[in-house]
Amino acid sequence: MEQAVLQEKLTSSPFLAGASLPPEQVTAKRFRAGQIISDRPGGVSSVGMIVSGRVEVYSVALDGKDVQLNALTAGECFGVCNLLADTELETVLRCGEETEVLYIPKAVLLACMERDAGLAMRYAALCNRKLQFLLRRIELLTMQSCRGRLIAHLLERQDEKGVVRLAGSREDLARRLGMSRAALFRELSVLQSMGAVSVDGNSITVEDRPLLEELLYHPSNTK
C-alpha cells in the first residue's frame, strides 16, 4: 500500500490519524455482510481499523445466547483492548454490511507508539473511552426492565433534535438491548401511545424527554 493511500485511509481515525506506520506492514481486507472476522488475520495478532462499513461486537455466553455490545463504524478500531496481552478477543466480530478493514500488526503499532508519545496518549484516551462505554453498557444490560433499557438507550443516543437513527434493523436493536424482538416492539408501542416517542422507519424520535426520564428514574410514579 502506498504511503499517501495509507495516510488518507487513516484520517478517519481519531486514534491513528497522522501515525507514521510503515505502509508495507499494513494490509487492507474486504469482508461481506454477515462474515465473522478476527483480530488475528493469518495468525498475526493485529489491530483492525474500519475504513468503511460496520462491525458488530457480540458477547456470547456459555449457553449460546449472544448480546450485541457495540457497533463499530468508519474510523473505529478493534483489537486495541488486548494490545498488550497475547490473548484473542473474548468477543465475536460480525460485519453488519460490506466492510473494509486495515490490519496493523500489534508489534508494528507498539513500536510506533514507543517513538510517538502523542500516539501513545491517544491510545490511553481511547482505552479510557472504551472503559467508560463498557461501564455504561453493563449498567444498561443489568437493568431488569426492558422498558428501562430501551429508554436509557434512547436518551443516550438521541441527537440534538431528539432523533435516534438505528445502525441496523430493529431486531439488531433488540439484540443490542438484550431483549426479544417482541419485547422491543411492545415497549416501543407503549411509549408511542404515551406520546413519549414517535417511530419512522429506522428512526426513533424522543418527543417527551421529561416523561421518558420520569419513566426511567421513577417508574412507580407513572401509569
Protein backbone atom coordinates (compact mmCIF):
# COMPACT_ATOMS: atom_id res chain seq x y z
CA MET A 1 0.00 0.00 0.00
CA GLU A 2 1.36 3.43 -0.90
CA GLN A 3 2.09 5.88 1.92
CA ALA A 4 -0.31 8.53 0.59
CA VAL A 5 -3.14 5.99 0.30
CA LEU A 6 -2.48 4.72 3.83
CA GLN A 7 -2.46 8.20 5.34
CA GLU A 8 -5.72 9.07 3.58
CA LYS A 9 -7.39 5.96 4.99
CA LEU A 10 -6.10 6.72 8.49
CA THR A 11 -7.55 10.23 8.55
CA SER A 12 -10.98 8.99 9.71
CA SER A 13 -9.49 7.53 12.92
CA PRO A 14 -9.02 9.89 15.91
CA PHE A 15 -6.52 7.34 17.24
CA LEU A 16 -4.41 6.55 14.16
CA ALA A 17 -4.64 9.74 12.08
CA GLY A 18 -1.14 11.03 11.42
CA ALA A 19 0.59 7.90 12.74
CA SER A 20 3.84 7.04 10.90
CA LEU A 21 3.08 3.42 10.09
CA PRO A 22 5.18 1.50 7.55
CA PRO A 23 2.79 1.01 4.61
CA GLU A 24 4.32 -2.34 3.66
CA GLN A 25 3.26 -3.71 7.08
CA VAL A 26 -0.38 -2.63 6.79
CA THR A 27 -2.88 -4.73 4.84
CA ALA A 28 -6.41 -3.93 3.68
CA LYS A 29 -9.10 -6.61 3.57
CA ARG A 30 -12.73 -6.56 2.46
CA PHE A 31 -15.46 -8.63 4.07
CA ARG A 32 -19.03 -9.32 3.04
CA ALA A 33 -22.07 -8.68 5.23
CA GLY A 34 -22.53 -11.36 7.87
CA GLN A 35 -18.91 -12.53 7.76
CA ILE A 36 -17.15 -13.22 11.07
CA ILE A 37 -13.76 -11.50 11.32
CA SER A 38 -10.81 -11.79 13.70
CA ASP A 39 -8.02 -9.69 15.19
CA ARG A 40 -5.55 -12.40 14.09
CA PRO A 41 -5.63 -12.44 10.28
CA GLY A 42 -3.27 -15.13 9.04
CA GLY A 43 -2.33 -15.85 12.65
CA VAL A 44 -0.79 -12.37 13.14
CA SER A 45 -2.09 -10.54 16.22
CA SER A 46 -3.31 -7.20 14.85
CA VAL A 47 -5.37 -4.08 15.43
CA GLY A 48 -8.12 -3.55 12.88
CA MET A 49 -9.29 -0.11 11.78
CA ILE A 50 -12.61 0.11 9.94
CA VAL A 51 -12.29 2.09 6.72
CA SER A 52 -15.92 1.66 5.65
CA GLY A 53 -18.91 -0.42 6.65
CA ARG A 54 -19.99 -1.62 10.11
CA VAL A 55 -18.67 -4.29 12.50
CA GLU A 56 -20.98 -5.55 15.25
CA VAL A 57 -19.41 -6.71 18.50
CA TYR A 58 -21.11 -9.56 20.37
CA SER A 59 -20.57 -11.28 23.69
CA VAL A 60 -21.55 -14.97 23.62
CA ALA A 61 -22.48 -16.75 26.86
CA LEU A 62 -21.78 -20.42 27.60
CA ASP A 63 -25.43 -21.25 26.84
CA GLY A 64 -25.04 -19.79 23.34
CA LYS A 65 -27.02 -16.60 23.99
CA ASP A 66 -25.41 -13.56 22.38
CA VAL A 67 -25.73 -9.87 23.25
CA GLN A 68 -24.60 -7.08 20.96
CA LEU A 69 -22.19 -4.87 22.88
CA ASN A 70 -21.35 -2.30 20.25
CA ALA A 71 -21.38 -1.41 16.55
CA LEU A 72 -18.12 -0.02 15.15
CA THR A 73 -18.11 2.22 12.10
CA ALA A 74 -15.54 4.03 9.94
CA GLY A 75 -12.54 5.28 11.91
CA GLU A 76 -13.09 2.99 14.89
CA CYS A 77 -10.73 0.18 15.87
CA PHE A 78 -10.93 -3.31 17.36
CA GLY A 79 -8.16 -5.34 18.97
CA VAL A 80 -6.92 -2.35 20.98
CA CYS A 81 -8.10 -3.50 24.41
CA ASN A 82 -5.80 -6.53 24.27
CA LEU A 83 -2.94 -4.69 22.56
CA LEU A 84 -0.58 -5.51 25.42
CA ALA A 85 -1.94 -9.01 26.11
CA ASP A 86 -1.17 -12.04 23.96
CA THR A 87 -4.74 -13.32 24.01
CA GLU A 88 -7.52 -13.30 21.44
CA LEU A 89 -10.59 -11.10 21.79
CA GLU A 90 -13.28 -12.60 24.01
CA THR A 91 -15.94 -11.11 21.74
CA VAL A 92 -17.31 -12.11 18.34
CA LEU A 93 -16.97 -9.63 15.47
CA ARG A 94 -19.52 -9.78 12.63
CA CYS A 95 -19.80 -7.46 9.63
CA GLY A 96 -23.19 -5.78 9.60
CA GLU A 97 -22.62 -4.79 5.97
CA GLU A 98 -19.82 -4.95 3.40
CA THR A 99 -16.77 -3.72 5.29
CA GLU A 100 -13.16 -2.74 4.59
CA VAL A 101 -10.61 -3.15 7.38
CA LEU A 102 -6.99 -2.04 7.69
CA TYR A 103 -4.93 -4.55 9.69
CA ILE A 104 -1.87 -3.30 11.57
CA PRO A 105 0.30 -5.92 13.34
CA LYS A 106 0.35 -5.15 17.06
CA ALA A 107 4.15 -5.34 17.17
CA VAL A 108 4.32 -2.64 14.48
CA LEU A 109 1.82 -0.40 16.29
CA LEU A 110 3.61 -0.80 19.64
CA ALA A 111 6.95 0.12 18.05
CA CYS A 112 5.31 3.23 16.56
CA MET A 113 3.84 4.17 19.96
CA GLU A 114 7.29 3.91 21.57
CA ARG A 115 8.54 6.55 19.12
CA ASP A 116 5.42 8.73 19.14
CA ALA A 117 4.28 10.00 22.56
CA GLY A 118 1.22 11.65 21.01
CA LEU A 119 0.04 8.32 19.58
CA ALA A 120 0.59 6.65 22.97
CA MET A 121 -1.50 9.32 24.68
CA ARG A 122 -4.29 8.92 22.10
CA TYR A 123 -4.22 5.19 22.82
CA ALA A 124 -4.61 5.86 26.56
CA ALA A 125 -7.54 8.21 25.84
CA LEU A 126 -9.13 5.57 23.58
CA CYS A 127 -8.87 2.94 26.32
CA ASN A 128 -10.48 5.35 28.80
CA ARG A 129 -13.40 5.95 26.43
CA LYS A 130 -13.86 2.22 25.86
CA LEU A 131 -13.82 1.57 29.62
CA GLN A 132 -16.46 4.25 30.20
CA PHE A 133 -18.54 2.84 27.35
CA LEU A 134 -18.39 -0.69 28.78
CA LEU A 135 -19.39 0.53 32.22
CA ARG A 136 -22.45 2.21 30.69
CA ARG A 137 -23.26 -0.97 28.75
CA ILE A 138 -23.01 -3.07 31.93
CA GLU A 139 -25.33 -0.64 33.72
CA LEU A 140 -27.78 -0.79 30.82
CA LEU A 141 -27.77 -4.58 30.43
CA THR A 142 -28.16 -5.23 34.16
CA MET A 143 -31.42 -3.26 34.25
CA GLN A 144 -34.23 -5.69 34.95
CA SER A 145 -36.83 -3.72 32.98
CA CYS A 146 -36.90 -3.95 29.18
CA ARG A 147 -38.57 -0.54 29.15
CA GLY A 148 -35.78 0.93 31.25
CA ARG A 149 -33.11 -0.45 28.92
CA LEU A 150 -34.88 0.96 25.87
CA ILE A 151 -35.41 4.40 27.44
CA ALA A 152 -31.81 4.63 28.66
CA HIS A 153 -30.58 3.77 25.16
CA LEU A 154 -32.82 6.38 23.52
CA LEU A 155 -31.81 9.13 25.95
CA GLU A 156 -28.12 8.36 25.45
CA ARG A 157 -28.17 8.06 21.65
CA GLN A 158 -30.51 10.91 20.63
CA ASP A 159 -29.03 13.75 18.59
CA GLU A 160 -29.66 17.46 19.12
CA LYS A 161 -33.10 17.08 17.51
CA GLY A 162 -34.03 14.11 19.69
CA VAL A 163 -33.63 11.60 16.83
CA VAL A 164 -32.07 8.16 17.30
CA ARG A 165 -31.07 6.59 13.99
CA LEU A 166 -30.68 2.83 14.10
CA ALA A 167 -27.45 1.50 12.57
CA GLY A 168 -29.16 -1.81 11.71
CA SER A 169 -32.65 -3.28 11.98
CA ARG A 170 -34.97 -3.20 14.97
CA GLU A 171 -34.06 -6.84 15.54
CA ASP A 172 -30.42 -5.71 15.82
CA LEU A 173 -31.51 -3.11 18.38
CA ALA A 174 -33.34 -5.79 20.38
CA ARG A 175 -30.20 -7.93 20.46
CA ARG A 176 -28.14 -4.91 21.46
CA LEU A 177 -30.51 -4.28 24.38
CA GLY A 178 -30.62 -7.95 25.40
CA MET A 179 -34.36 -8.41 24.81
CA SER A 180 -36.60 -10.24 22.39
CA ARG A 181 -37.89 -8.60 19.22
CA ALA A 182 -41.44 -8.94 20.55
CA ALA A 183 -40.49 -7.18 23.80
CA LEU A 184 -38.88 -4.30 21.89
CA PHE A 185 -41.95 -3.82 19.67
CA ARG A 186 -44.24 -3.97 22.71
CA GLU A 187 -42.27 -1.33 24.62
CA LEU A 188 -41.99 0.94 21.58
CA SER A 189 -45.76 0.67 21.12
CA VAL A 190 -46.38 1.62 24.77
CA LEU A 191 -44.04 4.62 24.56
CA GLN A 192 -45.71 5.76 21.34
CA SER A 193 -49.16 5.51 22.91
CA MET A 194 -47.91 7.75 25.74
CA GLY A 195 -46.64 10.31 23.24
CA ALA A 196 -43.10 9.88 24.54
CA VAL A 197 -41.61 8.78 21.21
CA SER A 198 -42.50 8.50 17.54
CA VAL A 199 -41.17 5.92 15.11
CA ASP A 200 -40.48 6.39 11.41
CA GLY A 201 -38.68 3.55 9.67
CA ASN A 202 -35.23 3.20 11.24
CA SER A 203 -35.54 6.43 13.21
CA ILE A 204 -36.98 6.89 16.69
CA THR A 205 -37.66 10.44 17.85
CA VAL A 206 -37.82 11.44 21.50
CA GLU A 207 -40.95 13.60 21.73
CA ASP A 208 -41.18 13.99 25.53
CA ARG A 209 -37.80 13.72 27.28
CA PRO A 210 -39.15 14.66 30.77
CA LEU A 211 -41.69 11.83 30.53
CA LEU A 212 -39.00 9.33 29.50
CA GLU A 213 -36.79 10.44 32.38
CA GLU A 214 -39.72 10.07 34.78
CA LEU A 215 -40.40 6.56 33.45
CA LEU A 216 -36.73 5.67 33.79
CA TYR A 217 -35.95 7.09 37.22
CA HIS A 218 -39.35 6.98 38.91
CA PRO A 219 -41.34 4.21 37.20
CA SER A 220 -43.68 3.78 40.16
CA ASN A 221 -44.84 7.41 39.83
CA THR A 222 -46.18 6.94 36.28
CA LYS A 223 -49.06 4.96 34.86
